[in-house]
Amino acid sequence: TCAMRGPGAFECACTGHFAGPTCGVCAEGYAGANCESCAAGAHLEDGVCALNRTINACQLQTGTVWGSPGEALTLSASVSTGDMSAAGRQPGVDGRICWREAAIAWPIVYGDLTCANASYVVDQAAGERYAATLSFPKIGLFKFVAAFSGNGGTTWTACDPDGIATATMKPGTATIYNVDNGGFEAIDSPLDRWVADLGLDVEAETDRVHSGGRSVRLTRVSTVNADTDFTAAPIAVAAGKSYTVSMWFLDTDPNARANVVYAFYDAADAPVGATSFGGVYTADQASWQNITRVVVAPTGATRVRISTRIYQQSGGTATGGAVILDDVGLIAAP
């Protein structure tokens, strides 16, 4: 459709995928007599022929994630192409997050992985990225990588937290735990499925979390150690099987420290052996620290209770010290 713009001057608006001053050529990315096919160097994306892009950099931004079986988790990655200088959505680029329970070996065989499409998103807190929401089906450890294609999925470039994946790649890790409210995401109360001794003040924490949107702040208000335990609901175990008890702590208070505690019980809820208060204690530092203990369920044990105890730190005040706890898990050995 053309219109005169002045003596000897006109302007045309092209229909379909035609282009040029008189609509005599195909638009970029299209070919064929009627400009209905994708040209060489282009591919079909969402019903449109997009130019192929070269993936020259990408990075898995979510290197570790914690959750419960079936919980919706968001994993993200970044990407850039050699022929794109502007920020924003990369036309012609497809992204996905791929995972499996077994180790991911190089070269990656994507047919052996479960993949979820990653969409371009932007928000004030996280910035520009490609993100996928997925869930892991059961308790255990899972590995994942991000992958991007600039040619419609003909080839894929994988990336780990260090960048484009190579033979020395380090996939991300998802830890899926079976402790009820182990991430303290319950909106009603951080005490949901947990029991606190009278010597603890328990508060939900939203500013400092290891993952998700909540953690729990445990403040020591008693001078008696036996009154400062925070204990999860009982968890079923199999006698003779090995388990890893895992807790994430943020300890920046010189007046308190914490450790991992466990106790086994039989079907009649009678103790099997003594409660173990040993292991490593938290240290004052600005970053989150993971404390684990490998335990073997003794003969006759059917359940375990795991907890943390908040102690007075040497040289600190007897009460008032606090430690933040998040992402508590019990993971059975393969």
Protein backbone atom coordinates (compact mmCIF):
# COMPACT_ATOMS: atom_id res chain seq x y z
CA THR A 1 0.00 0.00 0.00
CA CYS A 2 1.68 3.17 -1.22
CA ALA A 3 0.93 6.86 -0.78
CA MET A 4 2.35 10.00 -2.41
CA ARG A 5 4.40 12.15 -0.05
CA GLY A 6 5.22 14.90 -2.55
CA PRO A 7 6.07 15.49 -6.19
CA GLY A 8 7.74 12.30 -7.38
CA ALA A 9 7.98 10.93 -3.83
CA PHE A 10 6.00 8.08 -2.34
CA GLU A 11 6.14 5.72 0.65
CA CYS A 12 5.03 2.08 0.76
CA ALA A 13 3.80 -0.03 3.67
CA CYS A 14 4.52 -3.69 2.94
CA THR A 15 2.24 -6.59 3.75
CA GLY A 16 3.31 -10.08 4.86
CA HIS A 17 7.08 -10.45 5.13
CA PHE A 18 7.98 -8.23 2.17
CA ALA A 19 10.27 -5.23 2.60
CA GLY A 20 12.16 -2.55 0.65
CA PRO A 21 11.11 0.80 -0.87
CA THR A 22 8.63 -0.92 -3.20
CA CYS A 23 8.15 -4.13 -1.21
CA GLY A 24 10.18 -6.04 -3.76
CA VAL A 25 12.42 -8.02 -1.39
CA CYS A 26 11.94 -10.23 1.67
CA ALA A 27 12.23 -8.86 5.18
CA GLU A 28 15.32 -9.82 7.16
CA GLY A 29 15.24 -13.52 8.03
CA TYR A 30 12.75 -14.49 5.30
CA ALA A 31 13.12 -16.08 1.86
CA GLY A 32 11.09 -17.64 -0.95
CA ALA A 33 8.88 -16.34 -3.74
CA ASN A 34 6.26 -15.19 -1.24
CA CYS A 35 8.73 -14.50 1.62
CA GLU A 36 7.08 -17.18 3.75
CA SER A 37 10.13 -19.33 4.53
CA CYS A 38 13.00 -18.72 6.92
CA ALA A 39 16.18 -17.71 5.12
CA ALA A 40 19.54 -19.34 5.65
CA GLY A 41 20.91 -18.10 8.97
CA ALA A 42 17.44 -17.77 10.51
CA HIS A 43 15.04 -20.05 12.34
CA LEU A 44 11.37 -20.11 13.27
CA GLU A 45 10.63 -18.82 16.77
CA ASP A 46 7.10 -18.19 18.04
CA GLY A 47 5.82 -18.08 14.48
CA VAL A 48 8.44 -15.54 13.36
CA CYS A 49 11.71 -16.07 11.48
CA ALA A 50 14.47 -14.84 13.82
CA LEU A 51 18.08 -14.46 12.85
CA ASN A 52 20.45 -17.03 14.33
CA ARG A 53 22.59 -15.73 17.17
CA THR A 54 25.98 -16.85 18.40
CA ILE A 55 26.10 -17.58 22.16
CA ASN A 56 29.37 -16.04 23.29
CA ALA A 57 28.75 -16.00 27.07
CA CYS A 58 26.31 -17.45 29.57
CA GLN A 59 26.28 -18.16 33.29
CA LEU A 60 24.14 -20.19 35.66
CA GLN A 61 23.15 -17.60 38.27
CA THR A 62 21.47 -20.07 40.64
CA GLY A 63 24.31 -22.36 41.65
CA THR A 64 22.62 -23.99 44.63
CA VAL A 65 19.00 -24.31 45.66
CA TRP A 66 17.16 -25.95 48.55
CA GLY A 67 13.56 -27.13 48.67
CA SER A 68 11.12 -29.88 49.53
CA PRO A 69 9.81 -32.57 47.12
CA GLY A 70 7.46 -31.01 44.56
CA GLU A 71 8.14 -27.43 45.67
CA ALA A 72 8.22 -24.88 42.82
CA LEU A 73 11.75 -23.50 42.62
CA THR A 74 13.04 -20.73 40.35
CA LEU A 75 16.44 -21.17 38.71
CA SER A 76 17.99 -18.48 36.53
CA ALA A 77 20.87 -17.82 34.14
CA SER A 78 22.25 -14.98 32.02
CA VAL A 79 23.29 -14.97 28.37
CA SER A 80 24.82 -12.63 25.80
CA THR A 81 25.46 -12.95 22.07
CA GLY A 82 28.37 -11.69 20.03
CA ASP A 83 26.17 -9.66 17.70
CA MET A 84 23.94 -8.09 20.35
CA SER A 85 25.18 -4.96 22.11
CA ALA A 86 21.94 -3.77 23.70
CA ALA A 87 20.62 -5.12 26.99
CA GLY A 88 17.26 -6.85 27.16
CA ARG A 89 15.58 -9.81 25.54
CA GLN A 90 17.92 -11.52 23.07
CA PRO A 91 15.87 -12.08 19.86
CA GLY A 92 16.38 -15.54 18.45
CA VAL A 93 17.74 -16.98 21.71
CA ASP A 94 16.09 -19.88 23.55
CA GLY A 95 16.98 -20.90 27.10
CA ARG A 96 16.29 -23.85 29.37
CA ILE A 97 17.35 -25.43 32.66
CA CYS A 98 18.14 -29.16 32.53
CA TRP A 99 18.59 -31.53 35.47
CA ARG A 100 18.84 -35.10 36.66
CA GLU A 101 19.61 -36.98 39.87
CA ALA A 102 22.81 -38.60 38.58
CA ALA A 103 25.96 -36.64 37.81
CA ILE A 104 25.97 -34.68 34.55
CA ALA A 105 28.96 -35.68 32.44
CA TRP A 106 30.68 -33.91 29.57
CA PRO A 107 29.76 -33.88 26.72
CA ILE A 108 26.17 -33.32 27.81
CA VAL A 109 23.51 -35.64 26.37
CA TYR A 110 20.35 -33.57 26.74
CA GLY A 111 18.17 -36.59 25.99
CA ASP A 112 19.26 -38.00 29.36
CA LEU A 113 18.11 -34.87 31.21
CA THR A 114 14.78 -33.33 32.14
CA CYS A 115 14.56 -29.78 30.78
CA ALA A 116 12.26 -26.82 31.47
CA ASN A 117 12.06 -23.79 29.19
CA ALA A 118 13.54 -20.58 30.61
CA SER A 119 11.80 -17.28 29.85
CA TYR A 120 13.26 -13.80 29.78
CA VAL A 121 12.33 -11.84 32.89
CA VAL A 122 13.44 -8.59 34.48
CA ASP A 123 12.77 -7.28 37.97
CA GLN A 124 14.25 -4.64 40.21
CA ALA A 125 15.89 -7.07 42.63
CA ALA A 126 17.35 -9.70 40.30
CA GLY A 127 17.86 -7.70 37.11
CA GLU A 128 17.68 -9.21 33.63
CA ARG A 129 17.87 -12.97 33.35
CA TYR A 130 16.32 -16.09 31.90
CA ALA A 131 14.42 -18.07 34.54
CA ALA A 132 12.67 -21.43 34.73
CA THR A 133 10.34 -22.68 37.45
CA LEU A 134 10.61 -26.39 38.12
CA SER A 135 10.33 -28.93 40.91
CA PHE A 136 12.29 -31.98 41.95
CA PRO A 137 10.21 -35.10 42.63
CA LYS A 138 11.78 -36.63 45.71
CA ILE A 139 14.30 -36.32 48.53
CA GLY A 140 17.92 -36.31 47.40
CA LEU A 141 20.59 -34.35 45.56
CA PHE A 142 20.07 -33.23 41.96
CA LYS A 143 22.42 -31.62 39.42
CA PHE A 144 21.40 -28.98 36.88
CA VAL A 145 22.81 -26.75 34.12
CA ALA A 146 21.46 -23.92 31.99
CA ALA A 147 21.56 -24.18 28.20
CA PHE A 148 21.01 -21.62 25.43
CA SER A 149 20.46 -21.98 21.70
CA GLY A 150 20.71 -19.27 19.06
CA ASN A 151 19.59 -21.45 16.15
CA GLY A 152 16.20 -22.78 17.16
CA GLY A 153 17.49 -25.69 19.21
CA THR A 154 19.75 -27.24 16.58
CA THR A 155 22.68 -26.82 18.96
CA TRP A 156 22.86 -25.85 22.63
CA THR A 157 25.53 -24.10 24.71
CA ALA A 158 25.55 -25.22 28.36
CA CYS A 159 26.68 -23.04 31.23
CA ASP A 160 27.51 -23.54 34.90
CA PRO A 161 28.20 -20.93 37.63
CA ASP A 162 31.64 -20.24 36.09
CA GLY A 163 30.33 -19.58 32.56
CA ILE A 164 30.19 -21.70 29.42
CA ALA A 165 30.53 -25.33 30.47
CA THR A 166 33.58 -27.33 29.45
CA ALA A 167 34.98 -30.73 30.35
CA THR A 168 35.62 -29.34 33.85
CA MET A 169 32.08 -28.05 34.34
CA LYS A 170 30.55 -27.74 37.80
CA PRO A 171 26.76 -28.19 37.59
CA GLY A 172 24.43 -26.52 40.07
CA THR A 173 23.12 -28.59 42.98
CA ALA A 174 19.58 -28.89 44.30
CA THR A 175 19.19 -30.31 47.80
CA ILE A 176 15.69 -31.67 48.38
CA TYR A 177 14.98 -32.39 52.03
CA ASN A 178 12.25 -34.19 53.96
CA VAL A 179 12.05 -32.12 57.14
CA ASP A 180 8.57 -30.61 57.46
CA ASN A 181 8.88 -26.82 57.16
CA GLY A 182 12.66 -27.31 56.92
CA GLY A 183 12.93 -24.04 55.00
CA PHE A 184 10.65 -22.17 57.45
CA GLU A 185 8.50 -20.96 54.57
CA ALA A 186 5.23 -21.54 56.48
CA ILE A 187 3.48 -18.18 56.56
CA ASP A 188 1.61 -18.70 59.84
CA SER A 189 4.62 -19.35 62.06
CA PRO A 190 8.22 -20.58 61.96
CA LEU A 191 7.10 -22.97 64.72
CA ASP A 192 4.93 -24.89 62.27
CA ARG A 193 6.09 -28.55 62.72
CA TRP A 194 8.84 -27.41 65.12
CA VAL A 195 9.04 -27.24 68.93
CA ALA A 196 11.02 -24.60 70.83
CA ASP A 197 12.12 -24.92 74.47
CA LEU A 198 11.04 -22.20 76.87
CA GLY A 199 14.54 -20.79 76.85
CA LEU A 200 14.28 -19.67 73.22
CA ASP A 201 12.61 -16.71 71.59
CA VAL A 202 11.59 -17.71 68.04
CA GLU A 203 10.95 -15.15 65.30
CA ALA A 204 10.45 -15.38 61.54
CA GLU A 205 13.27 -13.68 59.60
CA THR A 206 12.72 -12.32 56.08
CA ASP A 207 15.73 -10.05 55.53
CA ARG A 208 18.44 -12.69 55.96
CA VAL A 209 17.62 -16.03 54.37
CA HIS A 210 19.67 -18.83 52.87
CA SER A 211 16.98 -19.59 50.28
CA GLY A 212 13.31 -18.86 49.77
CA GLY A 213 11.63 -15.99 51.55
CA ARG A 214 11.97 -16.91 55.24
CA SER A 215 14.34 -18.25 57.87
CA VAL A 216 14.05 -18.39 61.66
CA ARG A 217 15.87 -16.30 64.28
CA LEU A 218 16.59 -18.15 67.54
CA THR A 219 17.43 -15.96 70.55
CA ARG A 220 18.71 -17.44 73.80
CA VAL A 221 16.64 -16.16 76.78
CA SER A 222 17.69 -18.73 79.40
CA THR A 223 20.98 -19.41 81.14
CA VAL A 224 20.27 -23.18 81.07
CA ASN A 225 21.49 -25.00 77.95
CA ALA A 226 18.88 -27.74 78.29
CA ASP A 227 16.18 -25.08 77.80
CA THR A 228 17.45 -23.79 74.44
CA ASP A 229 16.67 -26.57 71.94
CA PHE A 230 14.74 -26.10 68.68
CA THR A 231 13.47 -29.45 67.38
CA ALA A 232 11.83 -30.65 64.16
CA ALA A 233 8.94 -33.10 64.01
CA PRO A 234 10.01 -36.79 64.04
CA ILE A 235 11.19 -38.22 60.71
CA ALA A 236 10.96 -41.88 59.69
CA VAL A 237 14.28 -43.72 59.25
CA ALA A 238 15.40 -47.27 58.50
CA ALA A 239 17.66 -49.04 60.97
CA GLY A 240 21.18 -49.52 59.63
CA LYS A 241 20.85 -46.82 56.97
CA SER A 242 23.15 -43.79 56.82
CA TYR A 243 21.78 -40.24 56.78
CA THR A 244 23.23 -36.74 56.55
CA VAL A 245 21.71 -34.13 58.84
CA SER A 246 22.25 -30.71 57.29
CA MET A 247 21.54 -27.21 58.64
CA TRP A 248 22.42 -23.75 57.37
CA PHE A 249 23.27 -21.10 59.96
CA LEU A 250 23.99 -17.39 59.92
CA ASP A 251 25.94 -16.56 63.08
CA THR A 252 27.12 -12.96 63.43
CA ASP A 253 26.51 -12.70 67.19
CA PRO A 254 29.50 -13.02 69.57
CA ASN A 255 27.12 -14.05 72.36
CA ALA A 256 25.74 -17.25 70.83
CA ARG A 257 26.69 -20.35 68.86
CA ALA A 258 24.78 -23.42 67.67
CA ASN A 259 25.31 -27.03 66.61
CA VAL A 260 23.41 -29.98 65.13
CA VAL A 261 21.75 -32.38 67.57
CA TYR A 262 19.98 -35.70 66.89
CA ALA A 263 18.23 -38.49 68.81
CA PHE A 264 16.76 -41.82 67.63
CA TYR A 265 13.53 -43.45 68.85
CA ASP A 266 11.79 -46.79 68.36
CA ALA A 267 8.20 -47.49 67.33
CA ALA A 268 7.02 -47.00 70.93
CA ASP A 269 8.76 -43.59 71.01
CA ALA A 270 11.39 -44.86 73.45
CA PRO A 271 14.93 -43.47 73.00
CA VAL A 272 17.38 -45.70 71.16
CA GLY A 273 20.77 -44.69 72.48
CA ALA A 274 21.64 -41.27 73.86
CA THR A 275 20.99 -37.87 72.32
CA SER A 276 24.11 -36.66 70.49
CA PHE A 277 25.12 -33.08 71.24
CA GLY A 278 28.58 -33.29 69.66
CA GLY A 279 29.80 -32.13 66.30
CA VAL A 280 30.89 -28.77 64.95
CA TYR A 281 29.65 -25.45 66.34
CA THR A 282 28.88 -22.32 64.35
CA ALA A 283 31.55 -19.64 64.09
CA ASP A 284 31.01 -15.90 63.95
CA GLN A 285 31.17 -14.88 60.29
CA ALA A 286 29.29 -12.71 57.81
CA SER A 287 28.26 -15.54 55.45
CA TRP A 288 25.99 -18.55 55.80
CA GLN A 289 27.66 -21.75 56.99
CA ASN A 290 26.54 -25.33 56.46
CA ILE A 291 26.97 -27.79 59.33
CA THR A 292 26.35 -31.46 58.62
CA ARG A 293 26.53 -34.68 60.59
CA VAL A 294 26.52 -38.17 59.08
CA VAL A 295 24.55 -40.56 61.26
CA VAL A 296 23.58 -44.24 61.05
CA ALA A 297 20.21 -45.28 62.42
CA PRO A 298 20.85 -47.90 65.13
CA THR A 299 19.08 -51.24 65.46
CA GLY A 300 15.49 -50.73 66.54
CA ALA A 301 15.29 -47.09 65.44
CA THR A 302 12.27 -46.06 63.38
CA ARG A 303 12.37 -42.28 63.81
CA VAL A 304 14.85 -39.51 64.40
CA ARG A 305 14.41 -36.07 65.90
CA ILE A 306 16.89 -33.45 64.73
CA SER A 307 17.39 -30.14 66.44
CA THR A 308 19.80 -27.34 67.19
CA ARG A 309 20.80 -25.99 70.58
CA ILE A 310 21.72 -22.34 71.07
CA TYR A 311 24.62 -22.02 73.50
CA GLN A 312 26.27 -19.10 75.23
CA GLN A 313 29.49 -18.33 73.39
CA SER A 314 32.64 -18.20 75.48
CA GLY A 315 33.17 -14.65 76.68
CA GLY A 316 29.66 -13.56 75.65
CA THR A 317 26.57 -12.74 77.65
CA ALA A 318 24.53 -15.61 79.09
CA THR A 319 21.32 -14.54 77.33
CA GLY A 320 20.39 -12.39 74.36
CA GLY A 321 22.61 -14.07 71.77
CA ALA A 322 20.91 -15.12 68.52
CA VAL A 323 21.59 -17.41 65.55
CA ILE A 324 19.58 -17.60 62.30
CA LEU A 325 18.65 -21.05 60.95
CA ASP A 326 17.43 -22.09 57.50
CA ASP A 327 17.19 -25.07 55.12
CA VAL A 328 17.27 -28.03 57.47
CA GLY A 329 17.48 -31.39 55.73
CA LEU A 330 17.83 -35.11 56.38
CA ILE A 331 19.25 -36.84 53.31
CA ALA A 332 19.54 -40.61 53.06
CA ALA A 333 22.69 -42.10 51.56
CA PRO A 334 22.14 -43.62 48.07
